[in-house]
Structure formats: C-alpha cells, structure tokens
Amino acid sequence: MQGRTNASAPTREIQRLGYRGDINTVRRHLKPYRDGAIPATAPSPHLTVRRVTDWIMRRPEHLTNLEQKGLDELCERNPALATTVEYTRRLALMIRSRRSEHLALDVWIADVLLDCDQSPF
C-alpha cells in the first residue's frame, strides 16, 4: 500500500481482511499522511465498550502503558467510571485473595459499602 494516493485500493485490501468500514473513513484516516509525513501524535485506539471493559477487568499490572493511559484519561473525564473501576478492582482482589467460604460475606459487604457510598449505581 506504500506510495498510493488513491484510497480505493487500500480500502479493498483491508476489506478483504475483515474491515467493514467504507472508503470515506479510510480517506479521512489517510488525509494527514498525504503530504508524506506521519503525524506527530498517533491517533488513540478506537474505543469500544468491549475494549474499555477489557481494560477494567484485567489486572492493572497486565495493562500496557498505552492502555493504562487510555483508562486513566477516561476515568478523569467520567468520575462514575472511575468509581466503577475502583469497585471492580476491589472485588477482583477479594475474589483472588479469599477462600471460598468467605467470598459470599465479602461480596455482601462490598454491596453494602457500594450502597452507602452515594454512588449513582
């Protein structure tokens, strides 16, 4: 695809690989590259519910720097999401570190604490 100025051929190539978008989306993406220079700031990955959920559900130490930065930026913009991430990680830690006979009690305590937190959830 290198050196092409027409977006139709690259669009056909990536559609064969499973891309479901149209040529206009490819054109918009390629526009900054037309002068031959790569933009200084690469676009952030396309955010989907699935991607953000994956970031939340994975252990923080298993996130890449880019993934952690993306999650941090989302949490800064949305305090409710930050609260959700915090409680999800607390629950995951309880599940990993507790024996099964204490798990039901821990989940109940977390639920009570969540209700008392004035959280929108």
PDB file of N, CA and C in Angstrom:
ATOM      1  N   MET A   1       0.814  -1.194   0.000  1.00  0.00           N
ATOM      2  CA  MET A   1       0.000   0.000   0.000  1.00  0.00           C
ATOM      3  C   MET A   1       0.860   1.261   0.000  1.00  0.00           C
ATOM      4  N   GLN A   2       2.131   1.108   0.199  1.00  0.00           N
ATOM      5  CA  GLN A   2       3.009   2.265   0.289  1.00  0.00           C
ATOM      6  C   GLN A   2       3.043   3.029  -1.023  1.00  0.00           C
ATOM      7  N   GLY A   3       2.988   4.377  -0.953  1.00  0.00           N
ATOM      8  CA  GLY A   3       3.096   5.220  -2.115  1.00  0.00           C
ATOM      9  C   GLY A   3       1.796   5.478  -2.849  1.00  0.00           C
ATOM     10  N   ARG A   4       0.721   4.881  -2.436  1.00  0.00           N
ATOM     11  CA  ARG A   4      -0.559   5.080  -3.108  1.00  0.00           C
ATOM     12  C   ARG A   4      -1.201   6.370  -2.639  1.00  0.00           C
ATOM     13  N   THR A   5      -1.880   7.035  -3.569  1.00  0.00           N
ATOM     14  CA  THR A   5      -2.614   8.248  -3.197  1.00  0.00           C
ATOM     15  C   THR A   5      -4.113   8.047  -3.339  1.00  0.00           C
ATOM     16  N   ASN A   6      -4.522   6.923  -3.875  1.00  0.00           N
ATOM     17  CA  ASN A   6      -5.926   6.621  -4.053  1.00  0.00           C
ATOM     18  C   ASN A   6      -6.372   5.700  -2.914  1.00  0.00           C
ATOM     19  N   ALA A   7      -7.454   6.033  -2.245  1.00  0.00           N
ATOM     20  CA  ALA A   7      -7.887   5.254  -1.075  1.00  0.00           C
ATOM     21  C   ALA A   7      -8.670   4.005  -1.444  1.00  0.00           C
ATOM     22  N   SER A   8      -9.099   3.862  -2.695  1.00  0.00           N
ATOM     23  CA  SER A   8      -9.950   2.719  -3.042  1.00  0.00           C
ATOM     24  C   SER A   8      -9.198   1.391  -2.977  1.00  0.00           C
ATOM     25  N   ALA A   9      -7.959   1.349  -3.446  1.00  0.00           N
ATOM     26  CA  ALA A   9      -7.211   0.089  -3.407  1.00  0.00           C
ATOM     27  C   ALA A   9      -6.913  -0.358  -1.964  1.00  0.00           C
ATOM     28  N   PRO A  10      -6.404   0.536  -1.103  1.00  0.00           N
ATOM     29  CA  PRO A  10      -6.197   0.101   0.288  1.00  0.00           C
ATOM     30  C   PRO A  10      -7.497  -0.306   0.973  1.00  0.00           C
ATOM     31  N   THR A  11      -8.598   0.379   0.631  1.00  0.00           N
ATOM     32  CA  THR A  11      -9.888   0.022   1.229  1.00  0.00           C
ATOM     33  C   THR A  11     -10.264  -1.401   0.839  1.00  0.00           C
ATOM     34  N   ARG A  12     -10.119  -1.730  -0.442  1.00  0.00           N
ATOM     35  CA  ARG A  12     -10.435  -3.099  -0.887  1.00  0.00           C
ATOM     36  C   ARG A  12      -9.543  -4.117  -0.171  1.00  0.00           C
ATOM     37  N   GLU A  13      -8.269  -3.794  -0.024  1.00  0.00           N
ATOM     38  CA  GLU A  13      -7.335  -4.730   0.626  1.00  0.00           C
ATOM     39  C   GLU A  13      -7.718  -4.994   2.076  1.00  0.00           C
ATOM     40  N   ILE A  14      -8.023  -3.930   2.812  1.00  0.00           N
ATOM     41  CA  ILE A  14      -8.349  -4.160   4.227  1.00  0.00           C
ATOM     42  C   ILE A  14      -9.759  -4.720   4.393  1.00  0.00           C
ATOM     43  N   GLN A  15     -10.660  -4.486   3.440  1.00  0.00           N
ATOM     44  CA  GLN A  15     -11.982  -5.112   3.495  1.00  0.00           C
ATOM     45  C   GLN A  15     -11.858  -6.625   3.322  1.00  0.00           C
ATOM     46  N   ARG A  16     -10.919  -7.056   2.494  1.00  0.00           N
ATOM     47  CA  ARG A  16     -10.679  -8.499   2.351  1.00  0.00           C
ATOM     48  C   ARG A  16     -10.183  -9.111   3.658  1.00  0.00           C
ATOM     49  N   LEU A  17      -9.571  -8.285   4.500  1.00  0.00           N
ATOM     50  CA  LEU A  17      -9.076  -8.759   5.798  1.00  0.00           C
ATOM     51  C   LEU A  17     -10.117  -8.659   6.905  1.00  0.00           C
ATOM     52  N   GLY A  18     -11.317  -8.162   6.554  1.00  0.00           N
ATOM     53  CA  GLY A  18     -12.397  -8.106   7.537  1.00  0.00           C
ATOM     54  C   GLY A  18     -12.870  -6.720   7.903  1.00  0.00           C
ATOM     55  N   TYR A  19     -12.251  -5.680   7.400  1.00  0.00           N
ATOM     56  CA  TYR A  19     -12.678  -4.305   7.692  1.00  0.00           C
ATOM     57  C   TYR A  19     -14.072  -4.076   7.128  1.00  0.00           C
ATOM     58  N   ARG A  20     -14.984  -3.500   7.931  1.00  0.00           N
ATOM     59  CA  ARG A  20     -16.354  -3.305   7.482  1.00  0.00           C
ATOM     60  C   ARG A  20     -16.701  -1.845   7.224  1.00  0.00           C
ATOM     61  N   GLY A  21     -15.726  -0.964   7.348  1.00  0.00           N
ATOM     62  CA  GLY A  21     -15.964   0.449   7.091  1.00  0.00           C
ATOM     63  C   GLY A  21     -15.976   0.752   5.605  1.00  0.00           C
ATOM     64  N   ASP A  22     -16.155   2.027   5.278  1.00  0.00           N
ATOM     65  CA  ASP A  22     -16.218   2.416   3.873  1.00  0.00           C
ATOM     66  C   ASP A  22     -15.011   3.253   3.469  1.00  0.00           C
ATOM     67  N   ILE A  23     -14.954   3.598   2.213  1.00  0.00           N
ATOM     68  CA  ILE A  23     -13.819   4.312   1.657  1.00  0.00           C
ATOM     69  C   ILE A  23     -13.660   5.704   2.273  1.00  0.00           C
ATOM     70  N   ASN A  24     -14.766   6.352   2.644  1.00  0.00           N
ATOM     71  CA  ASN A  24     -14.669   7.695   3.222  1.00  0.00           C
ATOM     72  C   ASN A  24     -13.925   7.687   4.558  1.00  0.00           C
ATOM     73  N   THR A  25     -14.142   6.654   5.335  1.00  0.00           N
ATOM     74  CA  THR A  25     -13.423   6.529   6.607  1.00  0.00           C
ATOM     75  C   THR A  25     -11.933   6.357   6.356  1.00  0.00           C
ATOM     76  N   VAL A  26     -11.592   5.541   5.366  1.00  0.00           N
ATOM     77  CA  VAL A  26     -10.178   5.338   5.015  1.00  0.00           C
ATOM     78  C   VAL A  26      -9.570   6.649   4.523  1.00  0.00           C
ATOM     79  N   ARG A  27     -10.302   7.377   3.699  1.00  0.00           N
ATOM     80  CA  ARG A  27      -9.804   8.671   3.202  1.00  0.00           C
ATOM     81  C   ARG A  27      -9.512   9.626   4.356  1.00  0.00           C
ATOM     82  N   ARG A  28     -10.456   9.722   5.312  1.00  0.00           N
ATOM     83  CA  ARG A  28     -10.256  10.623   6.458  1.00  0.00           C
ATOM     84  C   ARG A  28      -9.023  10.212   7.260  1.00  0.00           C
ATOM     85  N   HIS A  29      -8.827   8.914   7.416  1.00  0.00           N
ATOM     86  CA  HIS A  29      -7.671   8.439   8.176  1.00  0.00           C
ATOM     87  C   HIS A  29      -6.360   8.737   7.446  1.00  0.00           C
ATOM     88  N   LEU A  30      -6.371   8.595   6.131  1.00  0.00           N
ATOM     89  CA  LEU A  30      -5.142   8.765   5.348  1.00  0.00           C
ATOM     90  C   LEU A  30      -4.804  10.217   5.048  1.00  0.00           C
ATOM     91  N   LYS A  31      -5.754  11.115   5.199  1.00  0.00           N
ATOM     92  CA  LYS A  31      -5.533  12.520   4.835  1.00  0.00           C
ATOM     93  C   LYS A  31      -4.259  13.118   5.450  1.00  0.00           C
ATOM     94  N   PRO A  32      -3.977  12.936   6.754  1.00  0.00           N
ATOM     95  CA  PRO A  32      -2.752  13.521   7.321  1.00  0.00           C
ATOM     96  C   PRO A  32      -1.469  12.955   6.707  1.00  0.00           C
ATOM     97  N   TYR A  33      -1.547  11.767   6.125  1.00  0.00           N
ATOM     98  CA  TYR A  33      -0.361  11.111   5.579  1.00  0.00           C
ATOM     99  C   TYR A  33      -0.071  11.522   4.135  1.00  0.00           C
ATOM    100  N   ARG A  34      -1.005  12.195   3.503  1.00  0.00           N
ATOM    101  CA  ARG A  34      -0.868  12.518   2.077  1.00  0.00           C
ATOM    102  C   ARG A  34       0.368  13.357   1.765  1.00  0.00           C
ATOM    103  N   ASP A  35       0.803  14.198   2.706  1.00  0.00           N
ATOM    104  CA  ASP A  35       1.985  15.024   2.434  1.00  0.00           C
ATOM    105  C   ASP A  35       3.291  14.255   2.651  1.00  0.00           C
ATOM    106  N   GLY A  36       3.183  12.975   3.031  1.00  0.00           N
ATOM    107  CA  GLY A  36       4.360  12.144   3.213  1.00  0.00           C
ATOM    108  C   GLY A  36       4.905  12.122   4.624  1.00  0.00           C
ATOM    109  N   ALA A  37       4.354  12.933   5.508  1.00  0.00           N
ATOM    110  CA  ALA A  37       4.823  12.969   6.902  1.00  0.00           C
ATOM    111  C   ALA A  37       3.799  12.284   7.803  1.00  0.00           C
ATOM    112  N   ILE A  38       4.296  11.492   8.712  1.00  0.00           N
ATOM    113  CA  ILE A  38       3.429  10.850   9.695  1.00  0.00           C
ATOM    114  C   ILE A  38       3.128  11.876  10.780  1.00  0.00           C
ATOM    115  N   PRO A  39       1.869  12.009  11.206  1.00  0.00           N
ATOM    116  CA  PRO A  39       1.545  12.974  12.258  1.00  0.00           C
ATOM    117  C   PRO A  39       2.353  12.714  13.529  1.00  0.00           C
ATOM    118  N   ALA A  40       2.664  13.784  14.248  1.00  0.00           N
ATOM    119  CA  ALA A  40       3.453  13.673  15.477  1.00  0.00           C
ATOM    120  C   ALA A  40       2.729  12.861  16.539  1.00  0.00           C
ATOM    121  N   THR A  41       1.426  13.006  16.602  1.00  0.00           N
ATOM    122  CA  THR A  41       0.663  12.254  17.596  1.00  0.00           C
ATOM    123  C   THR A  41      -0.173  11.209  16.876  1.00  0.00           C
ATOM    124  N   ALA A  42       0.073   9.973  17.202  1.00  0.00           N
ATOM    125  CA  ALA A  42      -0.694   8.890  16.610  1.00  0.00           C
ATOM    126  C   ALA A  42      -2.092   8.898  17.204  1.00  0.00           C
ATOM    127  N   PRO A  43      -3.091   8.540  16.409  1.00  0.00           N
ATOM    128  CA  PRO A  43      -4.450   8.518  16.951  1.00  0.00           C
ATOM    129  C   PRO A  43      -4.570   7.455  18.038  1.00  0.00           C
ATOM    130  N   SER A  44      -5.362   7.753  19.054  1.00  0.00           N
ATOM    131  CA  SER A  44      -5.573   6.773  20.110  1.00  0.00           C
ATOM    132  C   SER A  44      -6.401   5.626  19.549  1.00  0.00           C
ATOM    133  N   PRO A  45      -6.302   4.451  20.159  1.00  0.00           N
ATOM    134  CA  PRO A  45      -7.049   3.316  19.636  1.00  0.00           C
ATOM    135  C   PRO A  45      -8.540   3.586  19.692  1.00  0.00           C
ATOM    136  N   HIS A  46      -9.266   3.060  18.725  1.00  0.00           N
ATOM    137  CA  HIS A  46     -10.708   3.230  18.678  1.00  0.00           C
ATOM    138  C   HIS A  46     -11.314   2.608  19.935  1.00  0.00           C
ATOM    139  N   LEU A  47     -12.044   3.401  20.689  1.00  0.00           N
ATOM    140  CA  LEU A  47     -12.622   2.910  21.940  1.00  0.00           C
ATOM    141  C   LEU A  47     -13.954   2.229  21.675  1.00  0.00           C
ATOM    142  N   THR A  48     -14.089   1.068  22.245  1.00  0.00           N
ATOM    143  CA  THR A  48     -15.345   0.337  22.209  1.00  0.00           C
ATOM    144  C   THR A  48     -15.667  -0.085  23.630  1.00  0.00           C
ATOM    145  N   VAL A  49     -16.895  -0.455  23.868  1.00  0.00           N
ATOM    146  CA  VAL A  49     -17.285  -0.943  25.193  1.00  0.00           C
ATOM    147  C   VAL A  49     -16.463  -2.181  25.541  1.00  0.00           C
ATOM    148  N   ARG A  50     -16.272  -3.037  24.562  1.00  0.00           N
ATOM    149  CA  ARG A  50     -15.505  -4.268  24.791  1.00  0.00           C
ATOM    150  C   ARG A  50     -14.066  -3.953  25.201  1.00  0.00           C
ATOM    151  N   ARG A  51     -13.432  -2.992  24.514  1.00  0.00           N
ATOM    152  CA  ARG A  51     -12.040  -2.658  24.814  1.00  0.00           C
ATOM    153  C   ARG A  51     -11.913  -2.068  26.224  1.00  0.00           C
ATOM    154  N   VAL A  52     -12.784  -1.113  26.580  1.00  0.00           N
ATOM    155  CA  VAL A  52     -12.711  -0.493  27.900  1.00  0.00           C
ATOM    156  C   VAL A  52     -13.027  -1.516  28.986  1.00  0.00           C
ATOM    157  N   THR A  53     -14.000  -2.395  28.742  1.00  0.00           N
ATOM    158  CA  THR A  53     -14.308  -3.452  29.703  1.00  0.00           C
ATOM    159  C   THR A  53     -13.107  -4.355  29.922  1.00  0.00           C
ATOM    160  N   ASP A  54     -12.397  -4.663  28.847  1.00  0.00           N
ATOM    161  CA  ASP A  54     -11.184  -5.473  28.966  1.00  0.00           C
ATOM    162  C   ASP A  54     -10.155  -4.775  29.838  1.00  0.00           C
ATOM    163  N   TRP A  55      -9.981  -3.473  29.646  1.00  0.00           N
ATOM    164  CA  TRP A  55      -9.031  -2.713  30.456  1.00  0.00           C
ATOM    165  C   TRP A  55      -9.415  -2.760  31.929  1.00  0.00           C
ATOM    166  N   ILE A  56     -10.711  -2.652  32.204  1.00  0.00           N
ATOM    167  CA  ILE A  56     -11.192  -2.644  33.593  1.00  0.00           C
ATOM    168  C   ILE A  56     -11.021  -4.019  34.233  1.00  0.00           C
ATOM    169  N   MET A  57     -11.312  -5.057  33.493  1.00  0.00           N
ATOM    170  CA  MET A  57     -11.320  -6.401  34.059  1.00  0.00           C
ATOM    171  C   MET A  57      -9.928  -7.010  34.217  1.00  0.00           C
ATOM    172  N   ARG A  58      -8.963  -6.536  33.445  1.00  0.00           N
ATOM    173  CA  ARG A  58      -7.607  -7.076  33.571  1.00  0.00           C
ATOM    174  C   ARG A  58      -6.905  -6.498  34.785  1.00  0.00           C
ATOM    175  N   ARG A  59      -5.968  -7.247  35.318  1.00  0.00           N
ATOM    176  CA  ARG A  59      -5.152  -6.736  36.411  1.00  0.00           C
ATOM    177  C   ARG A  59      -4.367  -5.520  35.905  1.00  0.00           C
ATOM    178  N   PRO A  60      -4.265  -4.475  36.724  1.00  0.00           N
ATOM    179  CA  PRO A  60      -3.563  -3.270  36.279  1.00  0.00           C
ATOM    180  C   PRO A  60      -2.142  -3.542  35.794  1.00  0.00           C
ATOM    181  N   GLU A  61      -1.461  -4.480  36.421  1.00  0.00           N
ATOM    182  CA  GLU A  61      -0.081  -4.759  36.021  1.00  0.00           C
ATOM    183  C   GLU A  61       0.003  -5.471  34.664  1.00  0.00           C
ATOM    184  N   HIS A  62      -1.128  -5.936  34.142  1.00  0.00           N
ATOM    185  CA  HIS A  62      -1.137  -6.591  32.835  1.00  0.00           C
ATOM    186  C   HIS A  62      -1.531  -5.641  31.702  1.00  0.00           C
ATOM    187  N   LEU A  63      -1.804  -4.376  32.027  1.00  0.00           N
ATOM    188  CA  LEU A  63      -2.127  -3.384  31.003  1.00  0.00           C
ATOM    189  C   LEU A  63      -0.848  -2.791  30.433  1.00  0.00           C
ATOM    190  N   THR A  64      -0.868  -2.480  29.149  1.00  0.00           N
ATOM    191  CA  THR A  64       0.266  -1.770  28.564  1.00  0.00           C
ATOM    192  C   THR A  64       0.203  -0.314  29.029  1.00  0.00           C
ATOM    193  N   ASN A  65       1.283   0.410  28.834  1.00  0.00           N
ATOM    194  CA  ASN A  65       1.282   1.835  29.210  1.00  0.00           C
ATOM    195  C   ASN A  65       0.210   2.604  28.461  1.00  0.00           C
ATOM    196  N   LEU A  66       0.020   2.292  27.181  1.00  0.00           N
ATOM    197  CA  LEU A  66      -0.988   2.975  26.374  1.00  0.00           C
ATOM    198  C   LEU A  66      -2.400   2.652  26.872  1.00  0.00           C
ATOM    199  N   GLU A  67      -2.644   1.392  27.227  1.00  0.00           N
ATOM    200  CA  GLU A  67      -3.956   1.003  27.744  1.00  0.00           C
ATOM    201  C   GLU A  67      -4.232   1.680  29.090  1.00  0.00           C
ATOM    202  N   GLN A  68      -3.245   1.685  29.977  1.00  0.00           N
ATOM    203  CA  GLN A  68      -3.413   2.327  31.285  1.00  0.00           C
ATOM    204  C   GLN A  68      -3.665   3.816  31.118  1.00  0.00           C
ATOM    205  N   LYS A  69      -2.934   4.454  30.205  1.00  0.00           N
ATOM    206  CA  LYS A  69      -3.126   5.883  29.949  1.00  0.00           C
ATOM    207  C   LYS A  69      -4.533   6.145  29.427  1.00  0.00           C
ATOM    208  N   GLY A  70      -5.009   5.296  28.518  1.00  0.00           N
ATOM    209  CA  GLY A  70      -6.367   5.446  27.988  1.00  0.00           C
ATOM    210  C   GLY A  70      -7.415   5.312  29.073  1.00  0.00           C
ATOM    211  N   LEU A  71      -7.259   4.322  29.947  1.00  0.00           N
ATOM    212  CA  LEU A  71      -8.207   4.127  31.042  1.00  0.00           C
ATOM    213  C   LEU A  71      -8.152   5.296  32.022  1.00  0.00           C
ATOM    214  N   ASP A  72      -6.956   5.761  32.337  1.00  0.00           N
ATOM    215  CA  ASP A  72      -6.812   6.911  33.244  1.00  0.00           C
ATOM    216  C   ASP A  72      -7.508   8.147  32.675  1.00  0.00           C
ATOM    217  N   GLU A  73      -7.343   8.390  31.372  1.00  0.00           N
ATOM    218  CA  GLU A  73      -7.972   9.555  30.745  1.00  0.00           C
ATOM    219  C   GLU A  73      -9.493   9.444  30.791  1.00  0.00           C
ATOM    220  N   LEU A  74     -10.019   8.239  30.552  1.00  0.00           N
ATOM    221  CA  LEU A  74     -11.463   8.043  30.629  1.00  0.00           C
ATOM    222  C   LEU A  74     -11.982   8.278  32.045  1.00  0.00           C
ATOM    223  N   CYS A  75     -11.242   7.778  33.029  1.00  0.00           N
ATOM    224  CA  CYS A  75     -11.654   7.933  34.428  1.00  0.00           C
ATOM    225  C   CYS A  75     -11.601   9.397  34.868  1.00  0.00           C
ATOM    226  N   GLU A  76     -10.648  10.159  34.343  1.00  0.00           N
ATOM    227  CA  GLU A  76     -10.580  11.592  34.670  1.00  0.00           C
ATOM    228  C   GLU A  76     -11.790  12.333  34.125  1.00  0.00           C
ATOM    229  N   ARG A  77     -12.259  11.924  32.953  1.00  0.00           N
ATOM    230  CA  ARG A  77     -13.405  12.592  32.333  1.00  0.00           C
ATOM    231  C   ARG A  77     -14.736  12.130  32.913  1.00  0.00           C
ATOM    232  N   ASN A  78     -14.761  10.938  33.527  1.00  0.00           N
ATOM    233  CA  ASN A  78     -16.020  10.383  34.000  1.00  0.00           C
ATOM    234  C   ASN A  78     -15.832   9.789  35.397  1.00  0.00           C
ATOM    235  N   PRO A  79     -16.170  10.548  36.442  1.00  0.00           N
ATOM    236  CA  PRO A  79     -15.995  10.059  37.815  1.00  0.00           C
ATOM    237  C   PRO A  79     -16.782   8.773  38.103  1.00  0.00           C
ATOM    238  N   ALA A  80     -17.936   8.607  37.468  1.00  0.00           N
ATOM    239  CA  ALA A  80     -18.710   7.381  37.694  1.00  0.00           C
ATOM    240  C   ALA A  80     -17.936   6.164  37.184  1.00  0.00           C
ATOM    241  N   LEU A  81     -17.252   6.309  36.063  1.00  0.00           N
ATOM    242  CA  LEU A  81     -16.438   5.207  35.547  1.00  0.00           C
ATOM    243  C   LEU A  81     -15.260   4.932  36.486  1.00  0.00           C
ATOM    244  N   ALA A  82     -14.668   5.995  37.018  1.00  0.00           N
ATOM    245  CA  ALA A  82     -13.564   5.820  37.967  1.00  0.00           C
ATOM    246  C   ALA A  82     -14.021   5.025  39.185  1.00  0.00           C
ATOM    247  N   THR A  83     -15.217   5.322  39.677  1.00  0.00           N
ATOM    248  CA  THR A  83     -15.773   4.585  40.813  1.00  0.00           C
ATOM    249  C   THR A  83     -16.007   3.129  40.444  1.00  0.00           C
ATOM    250  N   THR A  84     -16.530   2.894  39.253  1.00  0.00           N
ATOM    251  CA  THR A  84     -16.776   1.534  38.787  1.00  0.00           C
ATOM    252  C   THR A  84     -15.473   0.747  38.710  1.00  0.00           C
ATOM    253  N   VAL A  85     -14.432   1.372  38.177  1.00  0.00           N
ATOM    254  CA  VAL A  85     -13.127   0.707  38.079  1.00  0.00           C
ATOM    255  C   VAL A  85     -12.609   0.363  39.473  1.00  0.00           C
ATOM    256  N   GLU A  86     -12.726   1.306  40.384  1.00  0.00           N
ATOM    257  CA  GLU A  86     -12.234   1.071  41.743  1.00  0.00           C
ATOM    258  C   GLU A  86     -12.952  -0.109  42.399  1.00  0.00           C
ATOM    259  N   TYR A  87     -14.277  -0.126  42.322  1.00  0.00           N
ATOM    260  CA  TYR A  87     -15.030  -1.214  42.951  1.00  0.00           C
ATOM    261  C   TYR A  87     -14.803  -2.548  42.244  1.00  0.00           C
ATOM    262  N   THR A  88     -14.666  -2.520  40.939  1.00  0.00           N
ATOM    263  CA  THR A  88     -14.411  -3.757  40.203  1.00  0.00           C
ATOM    264  C   THR A  88     -13.077  -4.350  40.615  1.00  0.00           C
ATOM    265  N   ARG A  89     -12.075  -3.497  40.746  1.00  0.00           N
ATOM    266  CA  ARG A  89     -10.751  -3.991  41.132  1.00  0.00           C
ATOM    267  C   ARG A  89     -10.724  -4.471  42.578  1.00  0.00           C
ATOM    268  N   ARG A  90     -11.468  -3.786  43.452  1.00  0.00           N
ATOM    269  CA  ARG A  90     -11.555  -4.260  44.849  1.00  0.00           C
ATOM    270  C   ARG A  90     -12.195  -5.634  44.908  1.00  0.00           C
ATOM    271  N   LEU A  91     -13.292  -5.809  44.155  1.00  0.00           N
ATOM    272  CA  LEU A  91     -13.981  -7.091  44.153  1.00  0.00           C
ATOM    273  C   LEU A  91     -13.080  -8.184  43.581  1.00  0.00           C
ATOM    274  N   ALA A  92     -12.379  -7.887  42.503  1.00  0.00           N
ATOM    275  CA  ALA A  92     -11.476  -8.872  41.912  1.00  0.00           C
ATOM    276  C   ALA A  92     -10.378  -9.266  42.900  1.00  0.00           C
ATOM    277  N   LEU A  93      -9.856  -8.291  43.634  1.00  0.00           N
ATOM    278  CA  LEU A  93      -8.831  -8.584  44.636  1.00  0.00           C
ATOM    279  C   LEU A  93      -9.395  -9.475  45.742  1.00  0.00           C
ATOM    280  N   MET A  94     -10.620  -9.185  46.183  1.00  0.00           N
ATOM    281  CA  MET A  94     -11.240 -10.026  47.213  1.00  0.00           C
ATOM    282  C   MET A  94     -11.422 -11.448  46.707  1.00  0.00           C
ATOM    283  N   ILE A  95     -11.852 -11.574  45.473  1.00  0.00           N
ATOM    284  CA  ILE A  95     -12.089 -12.911  44.922  1.00  0.00           C
ATOM    285  C   ILE A  95     -10.782 -13.686  44.811  1.00  0.00           C
ATOM    286  N   ARG A  96      -9.723 -13.018  44.383  1.00  0.00           N
ATOM    287  CA  ARG A  96      -8.438 -13.703  44.231  1.00  0.00           C
ATOM    288  C   ARG A  96      -7.801 -14.052  45.567  1.00  0.00           C
ATOM    289  N   SER A  97      -8.033 -13.236  46.606  1.00  0.00           N
ATOM    290  CA  SER A  97      -7.292 -13.428  47.850  1.00  0.00           C
ATOM    291  C   SER A  97      -8.069 -14.138  48.951  1.00  0.00           C
ATOM    292  N   ARG A  98      -9.337 -14.372  48.762  1.00  0.00           N
ATOM    293  CA  ARG A  98     -10.140 -15.009  49.816  1.00  0.00           C
ATOM    294  C   ARG A  98     -10.444 -16.457  49.501  1.00  0.00           C
ATOM    295  N   ARG A  99     -10.658 -17.196  50.552  1.00  0.00           N
ATOM    296  CA  ARG A  99     -11.105 -18.569  50.389  1.00  0.00           C
ATOM    297  C   ARG A  99     -12.602 -18.553  50.100  1.00  0.00           C
ATOM    298  N   SER A 100     -13.102 -19.590  49.502  1.00  0.00           N
ATOM    299  CA  SER A 100     -14.486 -19.633  49.041  1.00  0.00           C
ATOM    300  C   SER A 100     -15.501 -19.470  50.174  1.00  0.00           C
ATOM    301  N   GLU A 101     -15.193 -19.937  51.389  1.00  0.00           N
ATOM    302  CA  GLU A 101     -16.180 -19.834  52.468  1.00  0.00           C
ATOM    303  C   GLU A 101     -16.408 -18.391  52.911  1.00  0.00           C
ATOM    304  N   HIS A 102     -15.483 -17.482  52.601  1.00  0.00           N
ATOM    305  CA  HIS A 102     -15.643 -16.083  52.973  1.00  0.00           C
ATOM    306  C   HIS A 102     -16.126 -15.207  51.819  1.00  0.00           C
ATOM    307  N   LEU A 103     -16.184 -15.768  50.635  1.00  0.00           N
ATOM    308  CA  LEU A 103     -16.492 -14.975  49.456  1.00  0.00           C
ATOM    309  C   LEU A 103     -17.896 -14.372  49.505  1.00  0.00           C
ATOM    310  N   ALA A 104     -18.898 -15.134  49.904  1.00  0.00           N
ATOM    311  CA  ALA A 104     -20.266 -14.614  49.949  1.00  0.00           C
ATOM    312  C   ALA A 104     -20.362 -13.431  50.911  1.00  0.00           C
ATOM    313  N   LEU A 105     -19.720 -13.527  52.058  1.00  0.00           N
ATOM    314  CA  LEU A 105     -19.725 -12.433  53.017  1.00  0.00           C
ATOM    315  C   LEU A 105     -19.019 -11.212  52.442  1.00  0.00           C
ATOM    316  N   ASP A 106     -17.890 -11.408  51.799  1.00  0.00           N
ATOM    317  CA  ASP A 106     -17.146 -10.289  51.206  1.00  0.00           C
ATOM    318  C   ASP A 106     -17.955  -9.584  50.125  1.00  0.00           C
ATOM    319  N   VAL A 107     -18.645 -10.355  49.288  1.00  0.00           N
ATOM    320  CA  VAL A 107     -19.475  -9.755  48.239  1.00  0.00           C
ATOM    321  C   VAL A 107     -20.610  -8.963  48.870  1.00  0.00           C
ATOM    322  N   TRP A 108     -21.222  -9.497  49.907  1.00  0.00           N
ATOM    323  CA  TRP A 108     -22.303  -8.781  50.587  1.00  0.00           C
ATOM    324  C   TRP A 108     -21.778  -7.476  51.189  1.00  0.00           C
ATOM    325  N   ILE A 109     -20.625  -7.516  51.835  1.00  0.00           N
ATOM    326  CA  ILE A 109     -20.030  -6.302  52.421  1.00  0.00           C
ATOM    327  C   ILE A 109     -19.736  -5.274  51.335  1.00  0.00           C
ATOM    328  N   ALA A 110     -19.189  -5.712  50.222  1.00  0.00           N
ATOM    329  CA  ALA A 110     -18.900  -4.788  49.116  1.00  0.00           C
ATOM    330  C   ALA A 110     -20.183  -4.162  48.603  1.00  0.00           C
ATOM    331  N   ASP A 111     -21.255  -4.938  48.529  1.00  0.00           N
ATOM    332  CA  ASP A 111     -22.540  -4.421  48.063  1.00  0.00           C
ATOM    333  C   ASP A 111     -23.090  -3.381  49.039  1.00  0.00           C
ATOM    334  N   VAL A 112     -22.988  -3.661  50.322  1.00  0.00           N
ATOM    335  CA  VAL A 112     -23.453  -2.704  51.339  1.00  0.00           C
ATOM    336  C   VAL A 112     -22.627  -1.422  51.264  1.00  0.00           C
ATOM    337  N   LEU A 113     -21.314  -1.546  51.145  1.00  0.00           N
ATOM    338  CA  LEU A 113     -20.458  -0.373  51.042  1.00  0.00           C
ATOM    339  C   LEU A 113     -20.775   0.438  49.792  1.00  0.00           C
ATOM    340  N   LEU A 114     -21.067  -0.240  48.715  1.00  0.00           N
ATOM    341  CA  LEU A 114     -21.417   0.448  47.472  1.00  0.00           C
ATOM    342  C   LEU A 114     -22.713   1.241  47.651  1.00  0.00           C
ATOM    343  N   ASP A 115     -23.698   0.657  48.333  1.00  0.00           N
ATOM    344  CA  ASP A 115     -24.962   1.352  48.572  1.00  0.00           C
ATOM    345  C   ASP A 115     -24.774   2.579  49.458  1.00  0.00           C
ATOM    346  N   CYS A 116     -23.833   2.514  50.381  1.00  0.00           N
ATOM    347  CA  CYS A 116     -23.595   3.626  51.317  1.00  0.00           C
ATOM    348  C   CYS A 116     -22.736   4.734  50.731  1.00  0.00           C
ATOM    349  N   ASP A 117     -22.159   4.508  49.586  1.00  0.00           N
ATOM    350  CA  ASP A 117     -21.171   5.436  49.031  1.00  0.00           C
ATOM    351  C   ASP A 117     -21.779   6.624  48.295  1.00  0.00           C
ATOM    352  N   GLN A 118     -23.071   6.723  48.198  1.00  0.00           N
ATOM    353  CA  GLN A 118     -23.726   7.793  47.435  1.00  0.00           C
ATOM    354  C   GLN A 118     -23.367   7.703  45.963  1.00  0.00           C
ATOM    355  N   SER A 119     -23.016   6.508  45.528  1.00  0.00           N
ATOM    356  CA  SER A 119     -22.649   6.300  44.126  1.00  0.00           C
ATOM    357  C   SER A 119     -23.907   6.300  43.276  1.00  0.00           C
ATOM    358  N   PRO A 120     -23.828   6.722  42.006  1.00  0.00           N
ATOM    359  CA  PRO A 120     -25.005   6.711  41.146  1.00  0.00           C
ATOM    360  C   PRO A 120     -25.442   5.300  40.777  1.00  0.00           C
ATOM    361  N   PHE A 121     -24.676   4.283  41.154  1.00  0.00           N
ATOM    362  CA  PHE A 121     -25.020   2.908  40.802  1.00  0.00           C
ATOM    363  C   PHE A 121     -25.765   2.227  41.913  1.00  0.00           C
TER     364      PHE A 121
END
